[in-house]
């Protein structure tokens, strides 16, 4: 059975971070925003505020709810880069 790698990333406003390095064995990727601000995800490219894949804050914190799930042939194996205009927290899961 494949192992699950789960990472919690606390983003600081306007500071890009690498959430996960590239992984050619990745078959599943979950990106969940549990913080109070929208994050932007760069998959295989730099993360830019208001660019890439937006992941909104949870409904309980005033957002629309945010998460992305990729699996199978659609699962990216590139590095996952993150940024937000305000502090927020992202959970990344890969398998």
Protein backbone atom coordinates (compact mmCIF):
# COMPACT_ATOMS: atom_id res chain seq x y z
CA UNK A 1 0.00 0.00 0.00
CA UNK A 2 1.40 3.44 -0.90
CA UNK A 3 2.29 5.76 1.96
CA UNK A 4 0.51 9.09 2.47
CA UNK A 5 2.53 12.26 2.86
CA UNK A 6 0.59 15.06 4.57
CA UNK A 7 2.05 18.54 5.06
CA UNK A 8 0.61 21.61 6.81
CA UNK A 9 1.89 24.91 5.39
CA UNK A 10 1.32 28.23 7.18
CA UNK A 11 1.59 30.88 4.48
CA UNK A 12 2.77 34.39 5.30
CA UNK A 13 1.27 37.21 3.22
CA UNK A 14 2.89 37.58 -0.21
CA UNK A 15 5.67 35.03 0.40
CA UNK A 16 5.74 32.14 -2.06
CA UNK A 17 6.62 28.70 -0.72
CA UNK A 18 7.23 25.29 -2.20
CA UNK A 19 4.53 23.10 -0.68
CA UNK A 20 5.69 19.83 -2.22
CA UNK A 21 8.63 19.09 -4.49
CA UNK A 22 8.06 17.28 -7.77
CA UNK A 23 7.28 13.58 -7.35
CA UNK A 24 7.06 11.34 -10.41
CA UNK A 25 5.41 8.62 -8.28
CA UNK A 26 2.54 10.86 -7.12
CA UNK A 27 -0.83 9.24 -7.90
CA UNK A 28 -3.06 11.39 -5.65
CA UNK A 29 -2.88 15.04 -4.62
CA UNK A 30 -5.21 16.88 -2.26
CA UNK A 31 -4.93 20.61 -1.57
CA UNK A 32 -7.18 21.98 1.18
CA UNK A 33 -7.34 25.54 2.50
CA UNK A 34 -8.15 25.56 6.23
CA UNK A 35 -7.09 29.19 6.78
CA UNK A 36 -8.91 32.50 6.55
CA UNK A 37 -7.63 33.78 3.17
CA UNK A 38 -7.60 32.63 -0.46
CA UNK A 39 -4.41 30.95 -1.60
CA UNK A 40 -3.08 30.59 -5.14
CA UNK A 41 -1.40 27.42 -6.33
CA UNK A 42 1.25 27.16 -9.01
CA UNK A 43 1.56 23.61 -10.31
CA UNK A 44 4.91 23.24 -12.01
CA UNK A 45 5.30 27.02 -12.10
CA UNK A 46 5.77 29.92 -9.71
CA UNK A 47 2.83 30.76 -7.47
CA UNK A 48 1.50 34.29 -8.07
CA UNK A 49 -1.17 36.16 -6.10
CA UNK A 50 -4.34 36.25 -8.26
CA UNK A 51 -2.84 33.72 -10.66
CA UNK A 52 -2.75 29.96 -11.05
CA UNK A 53 -5.31 27.79 -9.24
CA UNK A 54 -7.26 29.74 -6.56
CA UNK A 55 -8.19 27.86 -3.39
CA UNK A 56 -10.65 29.86 -1.30
CA UNK A 57 -10.99 29.89 2.48
CA UNK A 58 -13.56 27.60 4.15
CA UNK A 59 -17.21 28.70 4.31
CA UNK A 60 -16.99 28.85 8.11
CA UNK A 61 -14.34 31.55 7.74
CA UNK A 62 -16.21 33.59 5.10
CA UNK A 63 -14.88 31.96 1.93
CA UNK A 64 -16.57 29.72 -0.60
CA UNK A 65 -14.75 26.61 0.59
CA UNK A 66 -11.56 25.58 -1.09
CA UNK A 67 -9.90 22.40 -2.11
CA UNK A 68 -8.49 20.64 -5.14
CA UNK A 69 -8.24 16.89 -5.67
CA UNK A 70 -6.24 15.23 -8.45
CA UNK A 71 -5.82 11.52 -9.04
CA UNK A 72 -4.94 9.02 -11.74
CA UNK A 73 -3.78 10.36 -15.09
CA UNK A 74 -4.77 13.94 -14.10
CA UNK A 75 -2.51 13.98 -11.04
CA UNK A 76 0.34 16.46 -11.53
CA UNK A 77 3.82 15.29 -10.65
CA UNK A 78 5.35 18.79 -10.77
CA UNK A 79 6.30 20.86 -7.73
CA UNK A 80 3.35 22.45 -5.89
CA UNK A 81 3.99 26.13 -5.10
CA UNK A 82 1.81 28.28 -2.85
CA UNK A 83 1.18 31.97 -2.14
CA UNK A 84 -1.52 34.12 -0.55
CA UNK A 85 -2.12 37.88 -0.25
CA UNK A 86 -2.92 37.31 3.46
CA UNK A 87 -1.83 34.70 5.98
CA UNK A 88 -3.58 31.34 5.58
CA UNK A 89 -2.99 27.63 6.15
CA UNK A 90 -2.93 24.89 3.51
CA UNK A 91 -2.98 21.12 3.97
CA UNK A 92 -1.31 19.10 1.18
CA UNK A 93 -1.73 15.34 0.87
CA UNK A 94 0.00 13.15 -1.67
CA UNK A 95 0.18 9.47 -2.26
